[in-house]
Amino acid sequence: MSLSVTVIELSGILDGIRGNELRREISGTVATGADILLLDMKELKFIDSSGLGALVSVMQMVRNANGKMFVCSLNDQVRMLFELTKMDRIFQVFTDQDEFNSQVLAIQSAS
């Protein structure tokens, strides 16, 4: 079984406006049958409360479509926000795309 993996690279600020754009983008991605979604946050500088809400909404959308969502490459500010809001317990976070590939894709392709 071949898995469809989609990587979305976020940049700048994830706020209400960008969060709505992200919801629309992921809705389209899920509709095309992506099994696994990776949000690469290496270029993301800041997330506000609306952005956090968008991430939770997107996670629910992916789960409702029987998909899986992961995040990687958090900077210190975003990592601290994830820890303070306990988002690090909701999202599986990887150091970078290489760690994601070695841990998730290797396991998925072996099963």
PDB file of N, CA and C in Angstrom:
ATOM      1  N   MET A   1       0.836  -1.174   0.000  1.00  0.00           N
ATOM      2  CA  MET A   1       0.000   0.000   0.000  1.00  0.00           C
ATOM      3  C   MET A   1       0.887   1.247   0.000  1.00  0.00           C
ATOM      4  N   SER A   2       0.648   2.112  -0.925  1.00  0.00           N
ATOM      5  CA  SER A   2       1.434   3.333  -1.033  1.00  0.00           C
ATOM      6  C   SER A   2       0.743   4.462  -0.280  1.00  0.00           C
ATOM      7  N   LEU A   3       1.503   5.134   0.567  1.00  0.00           N
ATOM      8  CA  LEU A   3       0.953   6.225   1.355  1.00  0.00           C
ATOM      9  C   LEU A   3       1.212   7.548   0.665  1.00  0.00           C
ATOM     10  N   SER A   4       0.240   8.410   0.740  1.00  0.00           N
ATOM     11  CA  SER A   4       0.389   9.746   0.181  1.00  0.00           C
ATOM     12  C   SER A   4       0.812  10.689   1.298  1.00  0.00           C
ATOM     13  N   VAL A   5       2.014  11.250   1.186  1.00  0.00           N
ATOM     14  CA  VAL A   5       2.538  12.175   2.191  1.00  0.00           C
ATOM     15  C   VAL A   5       2.587  13.571   1.582  1.00  0.00           C
ATOM     16  N   THR A   6       2.011  14.530   2.295  1.00  0.00           N
ATOM     17  CA  THR A   6       2.044  15.919   1.859  1.00  0.00           C
ATOM     18  C   THR A   6       2.793  16.731   2.901  1.00  0.00           C
ATOM     19  N   VAL A   7       3.778  17.500   2.452  1.00  0.00           N
ATOM     20  CA  VAL A   7       4.528  18.385   3.336  1.00  0.00           C
ATOM     21  C   VAL A   7       4.106  19.816   3.034  1.00  0.00           C
ATOM     22  N   ILE A   8       3.688  20.530   4.071  1.00  0.00           N
ATOM     23  CA  ILE A   8       3.334  21.938   3.928  1.00  0.00           C
ATOM     24  C   ILE A   8       4.304  22.738   4.783  1.00  0.00           C
ATOM     25  N   GLU A   9       4.996  23.665   4.148  1.00  0.00           N
ATOM     26  CA  GLU A   9       5.973  24.493   4.859  1.00  0.00           C
ATOM     27  C   GLU A   9       5.324  25.817   5.234  1.00  0.00           C
ATOM     28  N   LEU A  10       5.253  26.079   6.531  1.00  0.00           N
ATOM     29  CA  LEU A  10       4.675  27.320   7.036  1.00  0.00           C
ATOM     30  C   LEU A  10       5.780  28.347   7.223  1.00  0.00           C
ATOM     31  N   SER A  11       5.440  29.628   7.022  1.00  0.00           N
ATOM     32  CA  SER A  11       6.441  30.676   7.217  1.00  0.00           C
ATOM     33  C   SER A  11       5.779  31.929   7.772  1.00  0.00           C
ATOM     34  N   GLY A  12       6.595  32.790   8.344  1.00  0.00           N
ATOM     35  CA  GLY A  12       6.101  34.061   8.854  1.00  0.00           C
ATOM     36  C   GLY A  12       5.316  33.902  10.142  1.00  0.00           C
ATOM     37  N   ILE A  13       4.100  34.430  10.141  1.00  0.00           N
ATOM     38  CA  ILE A  13       3.245  34.424  11.329  1.00  0.00           C
ATOM     39  C   ILE A  13       1.988  33.613  11.040  1.00  0.00           C
ATOM     40  N   LEU A  14       1.636  32.712  11.951  1.00  0.00           N
ATOM     41  CA  LEU A  14       0.392  31.966  11.830  1.00  0.00           C
ATOM     42  C   LEU A  14      -0.629  32.644  12.741  1.00  0.00           C
ATOM     43  N   ASP A  15      -1.505  33.446  12.105  1.00  0.00           N
ATOM     44  CA  ASP A  15      -2.537  34.183  12.833  1.00  0.00           C
ATOM     45  C   ASP A  15      -3.901  33.796  12.259  1.00  0.00           C
ATOM     46  N   GLY A  16      -4.919  34.580  12.559  1.00  0.00           N
ATOM     47  CA  GLY A  16      -6.263  34.266  12.081  1.00  0.00           C
ATOM     48  C   GLY A  16      -6.369  34.196  10.571  1.00  0.00           C
ATOM     49  N   ILE A  17      -5.782  35.172   9.883  1.00  0.00           N
ATOM     50  CA  ILE A  17      -5.867  35.205   8.413  1.00  0.00           C
ATOM     51  C   ILE A  17      -5.123  34.024   7.810  1.00  0.00           C
ATOM     52  N   ARG A  18      -3.885  33.830   8.222  1.00  0.00           N
ATOM     53  CA  ARG A  18      -3.090  32.703   7.698  1.00  0.00           C
ATOM     54  C   ARG A  18      -3.693  31.369   8.144  1.00  0.00           C
ATOM     55  N   GLY A  19      -4.302  31.353   9.340  1.00  0.00           N
ATOM     56  CA  GLY A  19      -4.957  30.131   9.824  1.00  0.00           C
ATOM     57  C   GLY A  19      -6.113  29.720   8.928  1.00  0.00           C
ATOM     58  N   ASN A  20      -6.907  30.700   8.476  1.00  0.00           N
ATOM     59  CA  ASN A  20      -8.007  30.398   7.555  1.00  0.00           C
ATOM     60  C   ASN A  20      -7.479  29.893   6.217  1.00  0.00           C
ATOM     61  N   GLU A  21      -6.383  30.491   5.747  1.00  0.00           N
ATOM     62  CA  GLU A  21      -5.755  30.017   4.504  1.00  0.00           C
ATOM     63  C   GLU A  21      -5.281  28.579   4.674  1.00  0.00           C
ATOM     64  N   LEU A  22      -4.684  28.291   5.841  1.00  0.00           N
ATOM     65  CA  LEU A  22      -4.191  26.938   6.114  1.00  0.00           C
ATOM     66  C   LEU A  22      -5.340  25.936   6.142  1.00  0.00           C
ATOM     67  N   ARG A  23      -6.457  26.311   6.765  1.00  0.00           N
ATOM     68  CA  ARG A  23      -7.633  25.422   6.796  1.00  0.00           C
ATOM     69  C   ARG A  23      -8.096  25.083   5.384  1.00  0.00           C
ATOM     70  N   ARG A  24      -8.179  26.103   4.531  1.00  0.00           N
ATOM     71  CA  ARG A  24      -8.613  25.868   3.144  1.00  0.00           C
ATOM     72  C   ARG A  24      -7.619  24.977   2.399  1.00  0.00           C
ATOM     73  N   GLU A  25      -6.340  25.250   2.579  1.00  0.00           N
ATOM     74  CA  GLU A  25      -5.295  24.460   1.906  1.00  0.00           C
ATOM     75  C   GLU A  25      -5.363  22.995   2.344  1.00  0.00           C
ATOM     76  N   ILE A  26      -5.509  22.784   3.651  1.00  0.00           N
ATOM     77  CA  ILE A  26      -5.523  21.407   4.158  1.00  0.00           C
ATOM     78  C   ILE A  26      -6.824  20.709   3.804  1.00  0.00           C
ATOM     79  N   SER A  27      -7.904  21.437   3.765  1.00  0.00           N
ATOM     80  CA  SER A  27      -9.171  20.853   3.337  1.00  0.00           C
ATOM     81  C   SER A  27      -9.032  20.291   1.924  1.00  0.00           C
ATOM     82  N   GLY A  28      -8.387  21.049   1.046  1.00  0.00           N
ATOM     83  CA  GLY A  28      -8.142  20.577  -0.315  1.00  0.00           C
ATOM     84  C   GLY A  28      -7.200  19.388  -0.353  1.00  0.00           C
ATOM     85  N   THR A  29      -6.184  19.428   0.496  1.00  0.00           N
ATOM     86  CA  THR A  29      -5.205  18.333   0.557  1.00  0.00           C
ATOM     87  C   THR A  29      -5.874  17.044   1.029  1.00  0.00           C
ATOM     88  N   VAL A  30      -6.704  17.157   2.052  1.00  0.00           N
ATOM     89  CA  VAL A  30      -7.418  15.991   2.594  1.00  0.00           C
ATOM     90  C   VAL A  30      -8.394  15.454   1.546  1.00  0.00           C
ATOM     91  N   ALA A  31      -9.055  16.358   0.832  1.00  0.00           N
ATOM     92  CA  ALA A  31     -10.021  15.946  -0.191  1.00  0.00           C
ATOM     93  C   ALA A  31      -9.367  15.165  -1.321  1.00  0.00           C
ATOM     94  N   THR A  32      -8.084  15.431  -1.581  1.00  0.00           N
ATOM     95  CA  THR A  32      -7.394  14.699  -2.650  1.00  0.00           C
ATOM     96  C   THR A  32      -6.825  13.373  -2.158  1.00  0.00           C
ATOM     97  N   GLY A  33      -7.028  13.058  -0.877  1.00  0.00           N
ATOM     98  CA  GLY A  33      -6.669  11.738  -0.373  1.00  0.00           C
ATOM     99  C   GLY A  33      -5.310  11.619   0.277  1.00  0.00           C
ATOM    100  N   ALA A  34      -4.749  12.697   0.795  1.00  0.00           N
ATOM    101  CA  ALA A  34      -3.463  12.595   1.493  1.00  0.00           C
ATOM    102  C   ALA A  34      -3.644  11.768   2.769  1.00  0.00           C
ATOM    103  N   ASP A  35      -2.763  10.795   2.979  1.00  0.00           N
ATOM    104  CA  ASP A  35      -2.832   9.935   4.167  1.00  0.00           C
ATOM    105  C   ASP A  35      -2.084  10.552   5.342  1.00  0.00           C
ATOM    106  N   ILE A  36      -0.949  11.177   5.041  1.00  0.00           N
ATOM    107  CA  ILE A  36      -0.089  11.736   6.087  1.00  0.00           C
ATOM    108  C   ILE A  36       0.244  13.179   5.715  1.00  0.00           C
ATOM    109  N   LEU A  37       0.105  14.055   6.697  1.00  0.00           N
ATOM    110  CA  LEU A  37       0.393  15.468   6.492  1.00  0.00           C
ATOM    111  C   LEU A  37       1.486  15.878   7.463  1.00  0.00           C
ATOM    112  N   LEU A  38       2.527  16.520   6.943  1.00  0.00           N
ATOM    113  CA  LEU A  38       3.609  17.035   7.775  1.00  0.00           C
ATOM    114  C   LEU A  38       3.655  18.541   7.622  1.00  0.00           C
ATOM    115  N   LEU A  39       3.501  19.256   8.741  1.00  0.00           N
ATOM    116  CA  LEU A  39       3.645  20.708   8.739  1.00  0.00           C
ATOM    117  C   LEU A  39       5.068  21.032   9.167  1.00  0.00           C
ATOM    118  N   ASP A  40       5.852  21.554   8.235  1.00  0.00           N
ATOM    119  CA  ASP A  40       7.231  21.941   8.523  1.00  0.00           C
ATOM    120  C   ASP A  40       7.219  23.408   8.932  1.00  0.00           C
ATOM    121  N   MET A  41       7.607  23.680  10.180  1.00  0.00           N
ATOM    122  CA  MET A  41       7.515  25.025  10.733  1.00  0.00           C
ATOM    123  C   MET A  41       8.867  25.724  10.829  1.00  0.00           C
ATOM    124  N   LYS A  42       9.819  25.275  10.039  1.00  0.00           N
ATOM    125  CA  LYS A  42      11.176  25.822  10.126  1.00  0.00           C
ATOM    126  C   LYS A  42      11.218  27.324   9.864  1.00  0.00           C
ATOM    127  N   GLU A  43      10.359  27.853   8.998  1.00  0.00           N
ATOM    128  CA  GLU A  43      10.351  29.280   8.676  1.00  0.00           C
ATOM    129  C   GLU A  43       9.258  30.056   9.420  1.00  0.00           C
ATOM    130  N   LEU A  44       8.531  29.366  10.328  1.00  0.00           N
ATOM    131  CA  LEU A  44       7.466  30.017  11.084  1.00  0.00           C
ATOM    132  C   LEU A  44       8.075  30.751  12.266  1.00  0.00           C
ATOM    133  N   LYS A  45       7.787  32.043  12.367  1.00  0.00           N
ATOM    134  CA  LYS A  45       8.392  32.869  13.414  1.00  0.00           C
ATOM    135  C   LYS A  45       7.509  33.007  14.645  1.00  0.00           C
ATOM    136  N   PHE A  46       6.176  33.001  14.457  1.00  0.00           N
ATOM    137  CA  PHE A  46       5.271  33.286  15.571  1.00  0.00           C
ATOM    138  C   PHE A  46       3.903  32.673  15.304  1.00  0.00           C
ATOM    139  N   ILE A  47       3.249  32.204  16.368  1.00  0.00           N
ATOM    140  CA  ILE A  47       1.870  31.712  16.298  1.00  0.00           C
ATOM    141  C   ILE A  47       1.081  32.445  17.370  1.00  0.00           C
ATOM    142  N   ASP A  48      -0.078  33.000  16.992  1.00  0.00           N
ATOM    143  CA  ASP A  48      -0.952  33.594  18.006  1.00  0.00           C
ATOM    144  C   ASP A  48      -2.076  32.611  18.343  1.00  0.00           C
ATOM    145  N   SER A  49      -3.003  33.032  19.196  1.00  0.00           N
ATOM    146  CA  SER A  49      -4.062  32.117  19.646  1.00  0.00           C
ATOM    147  C   SER A  49      -4.946  31.655  18.492  1.00  0.00           C
ATOM    148  N   SER A  50      -5.188  32.518  17.522  1.00  0.00           N
ATOM    149  CA  SER A  50      -5.973  32.118  16.347  1.00  0.00           C
ATOM    150  C   SER A  50      -5.230  31.061  15.536  1.00  0.00           C
ATOM    151  N   GLY A  51      -3.917  31.212  15.460  1.00  0.00           N
ATOM    152  CA  GLY A  51      -3.100  30.222  14.760  1.00  0.00           C
ATOM    153  C   GLY A  51      -3.133  28.865  15.452  1.00  0.00           C
ATOM    154  N   LEU A  52      -3.072  28.883  16.794  1.00  0.00           N
ATOM    155  CA  LEU A  52      -3.178  27.630  17.548  1.00  0.00           C
ATOM    156  C   LEU A  52      -4.530  26.972  17.289  1.00  0.00           C
ATOM    157  N   GLY A  53      -5.586  27.786  17.287  1.00  0.00           N
ATOM    158  CA  GLY A  53      -6.923  27.261  16.999  1.00  0.00           C
ATOM    159  C   GLY A  53      -6.990  26.635  15.615  1.00  0.00           C
ATOM    160  N   ALA A  54      -6.343  27.272  14.659  1.00  0.00           N
ATOM    161  CA  ALA A  54      -6.322  26.740  13.293  1.00  0.00           C
ATOM    162  C   ALA A  54      -5.606  25.391  13.250  1.00  0.00           C
ATOM    163  N   LEU A  55      -4.507  25.267  14.002  1.00  0.00           N
ATOM    164  CA  LEU A  55      -3.782  23.982  14.032  1.00  0.00           C
ATOM    165  C   LEU A  55      -4.651  22.869  14.605  1.00  0.00           C
ATOM    166  N   VAL A  56      -5.388  23.165  15.675  1.00  0.00           N
ATOM    167  CA  VAL A  56      -6.271  22.157  16.275  1.00  0.00           C
ATOM    168  C   VAL A  56      -7.383  21.797  15.289  1.00  0.00           C
ATOM    169  N   SER A  57      -7.948  22.797  14.634  1.00  0.00           N
ATOM    170  CA  SER A  57      -9.004  22.565  13.647  1.00  0.00           C
ATOM    171  C   SER A  57      -8.510  21.692  12.498  1.00  0.00           C
ATOM    172  N   VAL A  58      -7.310  21.985  12.036  1.00  0.00           N
ATOM    173  CA  VAL A  58      -6.709  21.219  10.933  1.00  0.00           C
ATOM    174  C   VAL A  58      -6.458  19.774  11.373  1.00  0.00           C
ATOM    175  N   MET A  59      -5.962  19.605  12.608  1.00  0.00           N
ATOM    176  CA  MET A  59      -5.720  18.255  13.124  1.00  0.00           C
ATOM    177  C   MET A  59      -7.025  17.450  13.135  1.00  0.00           C
ATOM    178  N   GLN A  60      -8.113  18.068  13.586  1.00  0.00           N
ATOM    179  CA  GLN A  60      -9.405  17.376  13.606  1.00  0.00           C
ATOM    180  C   GLN A  60      -9.867  17.025  12.195  1.00  0.00           C
ATOM    181  N   MET A  61      -9.647  17.940  11.261  1.00  0.00           N
ATOM    182  CA  MET A  61     -10.020  17.702   9.868  1.00  0.00           C
ATOM    183  C   MET A  61      -9.272  16.487   9.313  1.00  0.00           C
ATOM    184  N   VAL A  62      -7.974  16.420   9.586  1.00  0.00           N
ATOM    185  CA  VAL A  62      -7.149  15.314   9.087  1.00  0.00           C
ATOM    186  C   VAL A  62      -7.576  14.005   9.744  1.00  0.00           C
ATOM    187  N   ARG A  63      -7.795  14.028  11.052  1.00  0.00           N
ATOM    188  CA  ARG A  63      -8.223  12.812  11.759  1.00  0.00           C
ATOM    189  C   ARG A  63      -9.584  12.321  11.272  1.00  0.00           C
ATOM    190  N   ASN A  64     -10.510  13.252  11.020  1.00  0.00           N
ATOM    191  CA  ASN A  64     -11.838  12.873  10.522  1.00  0.00           C
ATOM    192  C   ASN A  64     -11.768  12.200   9.165  1.00  0.00           C
ATOM    193  N   ALA A  65     -10.706  12.486   8.424  1.00  0.00           N
ATOM    194  CA  ALA A  65     -10.497  11.869   7.108  1.00  0.00           C
ATOM    195  C   ALA A  65      -9.617  10.620   7.230  1.00  0.00           C
ATOM    196  N   ASN A  66      -9.430  10.146   8.473  1.00  0.00           N
ATOM    197  CA  ASN A  66      -8.593   8.968   8.747  1.00  0.00           C
ATOM    198  C   ASN A  66      -7.144   9.161   8.331  1.00  0.00           C
ATOM    199  N   GLY A  67      -6.676  10.385   8.402  1.00  0.00           N
ATOM    200  CA  GLY A  67      -5.281  10.679   8.104  1.00  0.00           C
ATOM    201  C   GLY A  67      -4.505  10.913   9.389  1.00  0.00           C
ATOM    202  N   LYS A  68      -3.213  11.169   9.220  1.00  0.00           N
ATOM    203  CA  LYS A  68      -2.337  11.468  10.354  1.00  0.00           C
ATOM    204  C   LYS A  68      -1.622  12.776  10.070  1.00  0.00           C
ATOM    205  N   MET A  69      -1.416  13.559  11.132  1.00  0.00           N
ATOM    206  CA  MET A  69      -0.732  14.831  10.967  1.00  0.00           C
ATOM    207  C   MET A  69       0.400  14.941  11.968  1.00  0.00           C
ATOM    208  N   PHE A  70       1.517  15.465  11.495  1.00  0.00           N
ATOM    209  CA  PHE A  70       2.708  15.642  12.322  1.00  0.00           C
ATOM    210  C   PHE A  70       3.258  17.040  12.083  1.00  0.00           C
ATOM    211  N   VAL A  71       4.085  17.516  13.017  1.00  0.00           N
ATOM    212  CA  VAL A  71       4.765  18.802  12.839  1.00  0.00           C
ATOM    213  C   VAL A  71       6.257  18.600  13.055  1.00  0.00           C
ATOM    214  N   CYS A  72       7.058  19.475  12.438  1.00  0.00           N
ATOM    215  CA  CYS A  72       8.500  19.386  12.629  1.00  0.00           C
ATOM    216  C   CYS A  72       9.132  20.764  12.550  1.00  0.00           C
ATOM    217  N   SER A  73      10.376  20.826  12.977  1.00  0.00           N
ATOM    218  CA  SER A  73      11.241  22.009  12.853  1.00  0.00           C
ATOM    219  C   SER A  73      10.704  23.237  13.582  1.00  0.00           C
ATOM    220  N   LEU A  74      10.305  23.061  14.844  1.00  0.00           N
ATOM    221  CA  LEU A  74       9.812  24.189  15.627  1.00  0.00           C
ATOM    222  C   LEU A  74      10.981  25.041  16.113  1.00  0.00           C
ATOM    223  N   ASN A  75      10.847  26.368  16.008  1.00  0.00           N
ATOM    224  CA  ASN A  75      11.868  27.230  16.599  1.00  0.00           C
ATOM    225  C   ASN A  75      11.608  27.320  18.108  1.00  0.00           C
ATOM    226  N   ASP A  76      12.500  27.976  18.831  1.00  0.00           N
ATOM    227  CA  ASP A  76      12.379  28.016  20.293  1.00  0.00           C
ATOM    228  C   ASP A  76      11.086  28.669  20.758  1.00  0.00           C
ATOM    229  N   GLN A  77      10.669  29.766  20.112  1.00  0.00           N
ATOM    230  CA  GLN A  77       9.452  30.466  20.520  1.00  0.00           C
ATOM    231  C   GLN A  77       8.220  29.594  20.321  1.00  0.00           C
ATOM    232  N   VAL A  78       8.132  28.958  19.165  1.00  0.00           N
ATOM    233  CA  VAL A  78       6.979  28.111  18.859  1.00  0.00           C
ATOM    234  C   VAL A  78       6.995  26.882  19.763  1.00  0.00           C
ATOM    235  N   ARG A  79       8.168  26.294  20.002  1.00  0.00           N
ATOM    236  CA  ARG A  79       8.274  25.132  20.892  1.00  0.00           C
ATOM    237  C   ARG A  79       7.807  25.502  22.300  1.00  0.00           C
ATOM    238  N   MET A  80       8.216  26.678  22.799  1.00  0.00           N
ATOM    239  CA  MET A  80       7.814  27.110  24.128  1.00  0.00           C
ATOM    240  C   MET A  80       6.290  27.293  24.194  1.00  0.00           C
ATOM    241  N   LEU A  81       5.716  27.875  23.157  1.00  0.00           N
ATOM    242  CA  LEU A  81       4.265  28.047  23.104  1.00  0.00           C
ATOM    243  C   LEU A  81       3.561  26.695  23.096  1.00  0.00           C
ATOM    244  N   PHE A  82       4.081  25.742  22.330  1.00  0.00           N
ATOM    245  CA  PHE A  82       3.500  24.398  22.309  1.00  0.00           C
ATOM    246  C   PHE A  82       3.550  23.784  23.706  1.00  0.00           C
ATOM    247  N   GLU A  83       4.661  23.958  24.422  1.00  0.00           N
ATOM    248  CA  GLU A  83       4.792  23.381  25.761  1.00  0.00           C
ATOM    249  C   GLU A  83       3.859  24.075  26.759  1.00  0.00           C
ATOM    250  N   LEU A  84       3.789  25.415  26.710  1.00  0.00           N
ATOM    251  CA  LEU A  84       2.933  26.156  27.637  1.00  0.00           C
ATOM    252  C   LEU A  84       1.451  25.838  27.448  1.00  0.00           C
ATOM    253  N   THR A  85       1.039  25.620  26.214  1.00  0.00           N
ATOM    254  CA  THR A  85      -0.370  25.341  25.920  1.00  0.00           C
ATOM    255  C   THR A  85      -0.668  23.845  25.847  1.00  0.00           C
ATOM    256  N   LYS A  86       0.343  23.037  26.123  1.00  0.00           N
ATOM    257  CA  LYS A  86       0.242  21.566  26.088  1.00  0.00           C
ATOM    258  C   LYS A  86      -0.057  21.023  24.680  1.00  0.00           C
ATOM    259  N   MET A  87       0.207  21.835  23.667  1.00  0.00           N
ATOM    260  CA  MET A  87       0.018  21.384  22.285  1.00  0.00           C
ATOM    261  C   MET A  87       1.014  20.289  21.931  1.00  0.00           C
ATOM    262  N   ASP A  88       2.140  20.254  22.648  1.00  0.00           N
ATOM    263  CA  ASP A  88       3.135  19.212  22.382  1.00  0.00           C
ATOM    264  C   ASP A  88       2.601  17.836  22.772  1.00  0.00           C
ATOM    265  N   ARG A  89       1.490  17.789  23.506  1.00  0.00           N
ATOM    266  CA  ARG A  89       0.852  16.508  23.842  1.00  0.00           C
ATOM    267  C   ARG A  89      -0.170  16.110  22.788  1.00  0.00           C
ATOM    268  N   ILE A  90      -0.630  17.090  22.020  1.00  0.00           N
ATOM    269  CA  ILE A  90      -1.634  16.836  20.982  1.00  0.00           C
ATOM    270  C   ILE A  90      -0.959  16.457  19.663  1.00  0.00           C
ATOM    271  N   PHE A  91       0.121  17.180  19.351  1.00  0.00           N
ATOM    272  CA  PHE A  91       0.824  16.963  18.089  1.00  0.00           C
ATOM    273  C   PHE A  91       2.098  16.174  18.319  1.00  0.00           C
ATOM    274  N   GLN A  92       2.370  15.236  17.427  1.00  0.00           N
ATOM    275  CA  GLN A  92       3.653  14.550  17.473  1.00  0.00           C
ATOM    276  C   GLN A  92       4.656  15.440  16.749  1.00  0.00           C
ATOM    277  N   VAL A  93       5.694  15.860  17.495  1.00  0.00           N
ATOM    278  CA  VAL A  93       6.658  16.833  16.987  1.00  0.00           C
ATOM    279  C   VAL A  93       7.985  16.144  16.687  1.00  0.00           C
ATOM    280  N   PHE A  94       8.528  16.431  15.504  1.00  0.00           N
ATOM    281  CA  PHE A  94       9.835  15.909  15.109  1.00  0.00           C
ATOM    282  C   PHE A  94      10.820  17.060  14.972  1.00  0.00           C
ATOM    283  N   THR A  95      12.089  16.752  15.189  1.00  0.00           N
ATOM    284  CA  THR A  95      13.143  17.760  15.081  1.00  0.00           C
ATOM    285  C   THR A  95      13.181  18.374  13.690  1.00  0.00           C
ATOM    286  N   ASP A  96      13.093  17.521  12.660  1.00  0.00           N
ATOM    287  CA  ASP A  96      13.147  17.993  11.281  1.00  0.00           C
ATOM    288  C   ASP A  96      12.544  16.931  10.363  1.00  0.00           C
ATOM    289  N   GLN A  97      12.554  17.202   9.064  1.00  0.00           N
ATOM    290  CA  GLN A  97      11.963  16.251   8.116  1.00  0.00           C
ATOM    291  C   GLN A  97      12.726  14.932   8.076  1.00  0.00           C
ATOM    292  N   ASP A  98      14.032  14.979   8.301  1.00  0.00           N
ATOM    293  CA  ASP A  98      14.812  13.736   8.305  1.00  0.00           C
ATOM    294  C   ASP A  98      14.357  12.807   9.424  1.00  0.00           C
ATOM    295  N   GLU A  99      14.156  13.357  10.623  1.00  0.00           N
ATOM    296  CA  GLU A  99      13.687  12.535  11.740  1.00  0.00           C
ATOM    297  C   GLU A  99      12.293  11.978  11.438  1.00  0.00           C
ATOM    298  N   PHE A 100      11.421  12.799  10.879  1.00  0.00           N
ATOM    299  CA  PHE A 100      10.086  12.346  10.477  1.00  0.00           C
ATOM    300  C   PHE A 100      10.194  11.186   9.492  1.00  0.00           C
ATOM    301  N   ASN A 101      11.026  11.360   8.466  1.00  0.00           N
ATOM    302  CA  ASN A 101      11.185  10.317   7.447  1.00  0.00           C
ATOM    303  C   ASN A 101      11.698   9.019   8.056  1.00  0.00           C
ATOM    304  N   SER A 102      12.680   9.118   8.936  1.00  0.00           N
ATOM    305  CA  SER A 102      13.266   7.898   9.489  1.00  0.00           C
ATOM    306  C   SER A 102      12.331   7.215  10.487  1.00  0.00           C
ATOM    307  N   GLN A 103      11.535   7.977  11.218  1.00  0.00           N
ATOM    308  CA  GLN A 103      10.673   7.364  12.226  1.00  0.00           C
ATOM    309  C   GLN A 103       9.289   7.002  11.710  1.00  0.00           C
ATOM    310  N   VAL A 104       8.654   7.890  10.984  1.00  0.00           N
ATOM    311  CA  VAL A 104       7.273   7.636  10.559  1.00  0.00           C
ATOM    312  C   VAL A 104       7.219   6.876   9.252  1.00  0.00           C
ATOM    313  N   LEU A 105       7.908   7.364   8.239  1.00  0.00           N
ATOM    314  CA  LEU A 105       7.795   6.727   6.934  1.00  0.00           C
ATOM    315  C   LEU A 105       8.421   5.341   6.922  1.00  0.00           C
ATOM    316  N   ALA A 106       9.507   5.152   7.645  1.00  0.00           N
ATOM    317  CA  ALA A 106      10.138   3.831   7.707  1.00  0.00           C
ATOM    318  C   ALA A 106       9.192   2.832   8.361  1.00  0.00           C
ATOM    319  N   ILE A 107       8.513   3.247   9.422  1.00  0.00           N
ATOM    320  CA  ILE A 107       7.564   2.365  10.123  1.00  0.00           C
ATOM    321  C   ILE A 107       6.354   2.093   9.242  1.00  0.00           C
ATOM    322  N   GLN A 108       5.820   3.145   8.604  1.00  0.00           N
ATOM    323  CA  GLN A 108       4.630   2.983   7.760  1.00  0.00           C
ATOM    324  C   GLN A 108       4.908   2.054   6.582  1.00  0.00           C
ATOM    325  N   SER A 109       6.080   2.192   5.965  1.00  0.00           N
ATOM    326  CA  SER A 109       6.365   1.360   4.796  1.00  0.00           C
ATOM    327  C   SER A 109       6.698  -0.081   5.185  1.00  0.00           C
ATOM    328  N   ALA A 110       7.112  -0.286   6.431  1.00  0.00           N
ATOM    329  CA  ALA A 110       7.421  -1.648   6.884  1.00  0.00           C
ATOM    330  C   ALA A 110       6.152  -2.427   7.226  1.00  0.00           C
ATOM    331  N   SER A 111       5.068  -1.708   7.549  1.00  0.00           N
ATOM    332  CA  SER A 111       3.840  -2.416   7.953  1.00  0.00           C
ATOM    333  C   SER A 111       2.945  -2.732   6.790  1.00  0.00           C
TER     334      SER A 111
END
